[in-house]
N, C-alpha and C. Protein backbone atom coordinates (compact mmCIF):
# COMPACT_ATOMS: atom_id res chain seq x y z
N MET A 1 83.11 68.16 113.19
CA MET A 1 84.06 67.23 113.75
C MET A 1 85.42 67.48 113.08
N SER A 2 86.45 67.57 113.87
CA SER A 2 87.77 67.83 113.31
C SER A 2 88.31 66.59 112.60
N GLU A 3 89.29 66.82 111.77
CA GLU A 3 89.91 65.73 111.02
C GLU A 3 90.56 64.70 111.94
N GLN A 4 91.25 65.18 112.97
CA GLN A 4 91.90 64.27 113.90
C GLN A 4 90.87 63.44 114.67
N THR A 5 89.79 64.08 115.09
CA THR A 5 88.73 63.35 115.79
C THR A 5 88.14 62.28 114.88
N HIS A 6 87.95 62.64 113.61
CA HIS A 6 87.42 61.68 112.64
C HIS A 6 88.38 60.49 112.48
N ARG A 7 89.66 60.76 112.37
CA ARG A 7 90.64 59.68 112.25
C ARG A 7 90.64 58.79 113.50
N ASP A 8 90.54 59.42 114.66
CA ASP A 8 90.51 58.65 115.91
C ASP A 8 89.27 57.76 115.97
N ARG A 9 88.13 58.29 115.53
CA ARG A 9 86.90 57.50 115.57
C ARG A 9 86.97 56.30 114.62
N ILE A 10 87.62 56.48 113.47
CA ILE A 10 87.76 55.36 112.54
C ILE A 10 88.57 54.25 113.20
N ALA A 11 89.65 54.63 113.84
CA ALA A 11 90.50 53.63 114.50
C ALA A 11 89.76 52.96 115.66
N ILE A 12 88.92 53.72 116.35
CA ILE A 12 88.18 53.15 117.48
C ILE A 12 87.05 52.26 116.99
N ASP A 13 86.30 52.73 115.98
CA ASP A 13 85.15 51.97 115.48
C ASP A 13 85.58 50.64 114.88
N ASP A 14 86.60 50.65 114.05
CA ASP A 14 87.03 49.42 113.41
C ASP A 14 88.54 49.48 113.19
N PRO A 15 89.31 48.83 114.05
CA PRO A 15 90.76 48.91 113.92
C PRO A 15 91.30 48.21 112.67
N ALA A 16 90.45 47.48 111.94
CA ALA A 16 90.90 46.78 110.74
C ALA A 16 90.82 47.67 109.50
N THR A 17 90.55 48.96 109.69
CA THR A 17 90.47 49.88 108.55
C THR A 17 91.53 50.94 108.64
N GLU A 18 91.80 51.57 107.50
CA GLU A 18 92.74 52.68 107.46
C GLU A 18 92.30 53.66 106.38
N ARG A 19 92.72 54.91 106.51
CA ARG A 19 92.40 55.93 105.51
C ARG A 19 93.50 55.93 104.45
N VAL A 20 93.09 56.01 103.20
CA VAL A 20 94.05 56.03 102.09
C VAL A 20 93.72 57.17 101.16
N ASN A 21 94.74 57.71 100.51
CA ASN A 21 94.54 58.70 99.47
C ASN A 21 94.31 57.98 98.16
N GLN A 22 93.28 58.41 97.44
CA GLN A 22 92.96 57.81 96.15
C GLN A 22 93.19 58.87 95.08
N PRO A 23 93.92 58.55 94.03
CA PRO A 23 94.20 59.55 92.99
C PRO A 23 92.91 60.01 92.31
N GLY A 24 92.70 61.32 92.29
CA GLY A 24 91.54 61.89 91.64
C GLY A 24 90.25 61.74 92.43
N ARG A 25 90.31 61.23 93.63
CA ARG A 25 89.12 61.05 94.45
C ARG A 25 89.40 61.53 95.86
N GLU A 26 88.36 61.60 96.66
CA GLU A 26 88.59 62.00 98.04
C GLU A 26 89.15 60.84 98.84
N GLU A 27 89.64 61.16 100.02
CA GLU A 27 90.24 60.16 100.87
C GLU A 27 89.21 59.09 101.22
N GLY A 28 89.62 57.83 101.24
CA GLY A 28 88.70 56.74 101.50
C GLY A 28 89.11 55.88 102.67
N VAL A 29 88.16 55.07 103.14
CA VAL A 29 88.41 54.13 104.23
C VAL A 29 88.36 52.73 103.64
N VAL A 30 89.44 51.98 103.80
CA VAL A 30 89.50 50.61 103.28
C VAL A 30 90.02 49.68 104.37
N ARG A 31 89.85 48.41 104.15
CA ARG A 31 90.40 47.43 105.08
C ARG A 31 91.92 47.52 105.06
N ALA A 32 92.52 47.26 106.17
CA ALA A 32 93.97 47.33 106.27
C ALA A 32 94.59 46.34 105.29
N GLY A 33 95.53 46.80 104.49
CA GLY A 33 96.22 45.97 103.52
C GLY A 33 95.50 45.83 102.19
N ALA A 34 94.29 46.39 102.07
CA ALA A 34 93.54 46.29 100.81
C ALA A 34 93.92 47.45 99.90
N HIS A 35 93.71 47.25 98.61
CA HIS A 35 94.00 48.27 97.61
C HIS A 35 92.69 48.94 97.21
N PRO A 36 92.59 50.27 97.30
CA PRO A 36 91.33 50.94 96.94
C PRO A 36 91.08 50.86 95.43
N VAL A 37 89.82 50.92 95.07
CA VAL A 37 89.44 50.90 93.66
C VAL A 37 89.83 52.23 93.04
N GLU A 38 90.58 52.19 91.96
CA GLU A 38 91.01 53.44 91.33
C GLU A 38 90.03 53.90 90.26
N HIS A 39 89.53 52.98 89.46
CA HIS A 39 88.58 53.36 88.41
C HIS A 39 87.72 52.16 88.06
N GLU A 40 86.43 52.40 87.89
CA GLU A 40 85.51 51.35 87.49
C GLU A 40 84.86 51.75 86.18
N GLU A 41 84.81 50.84 85.26
CA GLU A 41 84.15 51.07 83.99
C GLU A 41 82.65 50.80 84.13
N PRO A 42 81.80 51.59 83.46
CA PRO A 42 80.36 51.33 83.52
C PRO A 42 80.01 49.93 83.01
N ALA A 43 80.78 49.42 82.05
CA ALA A 43 80.51 48.09 81.51
C ALA A 43 80.73 47.00 82.56
N ASP A 44 81.59 47.28 83.56
CA ASP A 44 81.81 46.31 84.63
C ASP A 44 80.54 46.09 85.45
N TRP A 45 79.67 47.08 85.45
CA TRP A 45 78.42 46.99 86.20
C TRP A 45 77.25 46.60 85.31
N GLY A 46 77.50 46.33 84.03
CA GLY A 46 76.44 45.87 83.14
C GLY A 46 75.78 46.95 82.32
N TRP A 47 76.27 48.21 82.39
CA TRP A 47 75.67 49.28 81.60
C TRP A 47 76.52 49.48 80.34
N HIS A 48 75.88 49.42 79.18
CA HIS A 48 76.61 49.54 77.92
C HIS A 48 76.16 50.74 77.11
N GLY A 49 75.41 51.64 77.69
CA GLY A 49 75.06 52.88 77.02
C GLY A 49 73.81 52.82 76.18
N GLN A 50 73.00 51.80 76.28
CA GLN A 50 71.78 51.71 75.49
C GLN A 50 70.60 51.48 76.41
N THR A 51 69.48 52.12 76.09
CA THR A 51 68.29 51.94 76.90
C THR A 51 67.44 50.79 76.42
N GLY A 52 67.69 50.32 75.21
CA GLY A 52 66.95 49.17 74.71
C GLY A 52 65.60 49.54 74.13
N ARG A 53 64.81 48.52 73.92
CA ARG A 53 63.52 48.67 73.25
C ARG A 53 62.57 49.54 74.07
N LYS A 54 62.54 49.36 75.38
CA LYS A 54 61.64 50.15 76.22
C LYS A 54 61.99 51.63 76.17
N GLY A 55 63.25 51.94 76.10
CA GLY A 55 63.66 53.34 76.00
C GLY A 55 63.24 53.97 74.69
N ARG A 56 63.33 53.20 73.60
CA ARG A 56 62.90 53.72 72.30
C ARG A 56 61.39 53.92 72.26
N ILE A 57 60.64 52.99 72.86
CA ILE A 57 59.19 53.16 72.93
C ILE A 57 58.85 54.39 73.76
N GLY A 58 59.54 54.57 74.87
CA GLY A 58 59.33 55.75 75.70
C GLY A 58 59.63 57.04 74.96
N ALA A 59 60.62 57.03 74.10
CA ALA A 59 60.96 58.23 73.33
C ALA A 59 59.85 58.56 72.33
N TRP A 60 59.26 57.54 71.70
CA TRP A 60 58.15 57.80 70.78
C TRP A 60 56.94 58.32 71.54
N ILE A 61 56.72 57.81 72.74
CA ILE A 61 55.62 58.33 73.58
C ILE A 61 55.89 59.79 73.93
N ALA A 62 57.15 60.13 74.19
CA ALA A 62 57.51 61.53 74.48
C ALA A 62 57.22 62.43 73.28
N VAL A 63 57.43 61.92 72.06
CA VAL A 63 57.10 62.69 70.86
C VAL A 63 55.60 62.96 70.82
N LEU A 64 54.79 61.93 71.09
CA LEU A 64 53.33 62.11 71.07
C LEU A 64 52.87 63.08 72.15
N VAL A 65 53.45 62.99 73.32
CA VAL A 65 53.10 63.93 74.41
C VAL A 65 53.49 65.35 74.01
N THR A 66 54.66 65.50 73.41
CA THR A 66 55.10 66.82 72.97
C THR A 66 54.15 67.39 71.93
N LEU A 67 53.71 66.57 70.98
CA LEU A 67 52.77 67.04 69.96
C LEU A 67 51.40 67.35 70.54
N SER A 68 51.07 66.72 71.66
CA SER A 68 49.77 67.01 72.28
C SER A 68 49.72 68.44 72.82
N TYR A 69 50.88 69.06 73.01
CA TYR A 69 50.91 70.45 73.47
C TYR A 69 50.40 71.42 72.40
N LEU A 70 50.22 70.96 71.17
CA LEU A 70 49.69 71.82 70.13
C LEU A 70 48.21 72.14 70.37
N VAL A 71 47.53 71.26 71.09
CA VAL A 71 46.13 71.48 71.40
C VAL A 71 46.06 72.32 72.67
N GLY A 72 45.41 73.47 72.57
CA GLY A 72 45.33 74.32 73.75
C GLY A 72 44.67 75.64 73.43
N ASN A 73 44.72 76.52 74.36
CA ASN A 73 44.04 77.81 74.19
C ASN A 73 45.01 78.95 73.87
N HIS A 74 46.22 78.63 73.44
CA HIS A 74 47.16 79.71 73.11
C HIS A 74 46.81 80.28 71.73
N GLU A 75 47.06 81.57 71.57
CA GLU A 75 46.69 82.24 70.33
C GLU A 75 47.87 82.46 69.40
N GLY A 76 49.06 82.59 69.95
CA GLY A 76 50.23 82.85 69.12
C GLY A 76 50.74 81.57 68.48
N ARG A 77 51.52 81.73 67.44
CA ARG A 77 52.07 80.57 66.73
C ARG A 77 53.53 80.30 67.10
N VAL A 78 54.12 81.17 67.90
CA VAL A 78 55.51 80.96 68.31
C VAL A 78 55.62 79.69 69.15
N GLU A 79 54.64 79.47 70.02
CA GLU A 79 54.64 78.26 70.85
C GLU A 79 54.55 77.01 69.98
N ASP A 80 53.70 77.10 68.95
CA ASP A 80 53.56 75.95 68.04
C ASP A 80 54.87 75.63 67.33
N LEU A 81 55.59 76.67 66.94
CA LEU A 81 56.86 76.45 66.25
C LEU A 81 57.87 75.75 67.16
N TRP A 82 57.93 76.16 68.42
CA TRP A 82 58.84 75.53 69.37
C TRP A 82 58.46 74.08 69.62
N VAL A 83 57.15 73.82 69.78
CA VAL A 83 56.69 72.46 70.02
C VAL A 83 57.00 71.59 68.81
N LEU A 84 56.71 72.07 67.62
CA LEU A 84 56.99 71.30 66.40
C LEU A 84 58.49 71.09 66.21
N GLY A 85 59.28 72.13 66.51
CA GLY A 85 60.73 72.00 66.37
C GLY A 85 61.30 70.95 67.33
N THR A 86 60.81 70.96 68.56
CA THR A 86 61.28 69.98 69.55
C THR A 86 60.87 68.57 69.13
N ALA A 87 59.61 68.40 68.70
CA ALA A 87 59.14 67.09 68.26
C ALA A 87 59.91 66.63 67.03
N LEU A 88 60.18 67.53 66.11
CA LEU A 88 60.93 67.17 64.90
C LEU A 88 62.35 66.74 65.25
N LEU A 89 62.98 67.42 66.19
CA LEU A 89 64.31 67.04 66.62
C LEU A 89 64.31 65.63 67.23
N LEU A 90 63.32 65.35 68.08
CA LEU A 90 63.21 64.00 68.66
C LEU A 90 63.00 62.95 67.56
N ILE A 91 62.16 63.26 66.60
CA ILE A 91 61.89 62.31 65.50
C ILE A 91 63.15 62.07 64.68
N VAL A 92 63.91 63.12 64.39
CA VAL A 92 65.15 62.96 63.62
C VAL A 92 66.13 62.06 64.39
N ILE A 93 66.25 62.26 65.68
CA ILE A 93 67.15 61.43 66.48
C ILE A 93 66.69 59.98 66.47
N LEU A 94 65.39 59.75 66.60
CA LEU A 94 64.86 58.38 66.63
C LEU A 94 65.01 57.69 65.27
N VAL A 95 64.77 58.41 64.18
CA VAL A 95 64.95 57.82 62.85
C VAL A 95 66.43 57.54 62.60
N TRP A 96 67.30 58.43 63.02
CA TRP A 96 68.75 58.19 62.89
C TRP A 96 69.14 56.94 63.64
N ASP A 97 68.56 56.74 64.85
CA ASP A 97 68.86 55.56 65.63
C ASP A 97 68.38 54.29 64.93
N ILE A 98 67.21 54.36 64.28
CA ILE A 98 66.71 53.19 63.54
C ILE A 98 67.69 52.80 62.45
N PHE A 99 68.14 53.77 61.65
CA PHE A 99 69.09 53.46 60.57
C PHE A 99 70.45 53.04 61.11
N ARG A 100 70.86 53.63 62.23
CA ARG A 100 72.14 53.25 62.82
C ARG A 100 72.12 51.80 63.27
N ARG A 101 71.04 51.39 63.93
CA ARG A 101 70.94 50.00 64.39
C ARG A 101 70.76 49.04 63.21
N LYS A 102 70.03 49.47 62.20
CA LYS A 102 69.79 48.62 61.03
C LYS A 102 71.08 48.34 60.27
N ASN A 103 71.94 49.32 60.16
CA ASN A 103 73.17 49.18 59.38
C ASN A 103 74.40 48.97 60.24
N ALA A 104 74.23 48.66 61.51
CA ALA A 104 75.38 48.52 62.41
C ALA A 104 76.28 47.36 62.01
N TRP A 105 75.73 46.30 61.49
CA TRP A 105 76.53 45.11 61.15
C TRP A 105 77.38 45.37 59.91
N ARG A 106 77.02 46.33 59.08
CA ARG A 106 77.77 46.60 57.84
C ARG A 106 79.09 47.33 58.08
N SER A 107 79.19 48.03 59.18
CA SER A 107 80.39 48.83 59.41
C SER A 107 81.53 48.02 60.00
N ARG A 108 81.30 46.78 60.29
CA ARG A 108 82.36 45.98 60.91
C ARG A 108 83.13 45.19 59.93
């Protein structure tokens, strides 16, 4: 569909709308006289960057699942080193998170 046909269809479908250019975004359709949203913060939608207790429990379960890969019929030890390294990295991140949350009130 050509651009002009698209513009004509917008005007036909709903005459109360218009196309606007949005900085850093593609062209949008808004109600006539309305101001398009330029930027939305994730916190405006209730996300603050933490998964909470369930996410931490899930991460510990992921460590256990990763360690379960040590049981198997492989003969080489290179696989074991990668599995242990990955599990160790996850454990270090989780322990760091425990200390970070425990001492978070002291840094303020």
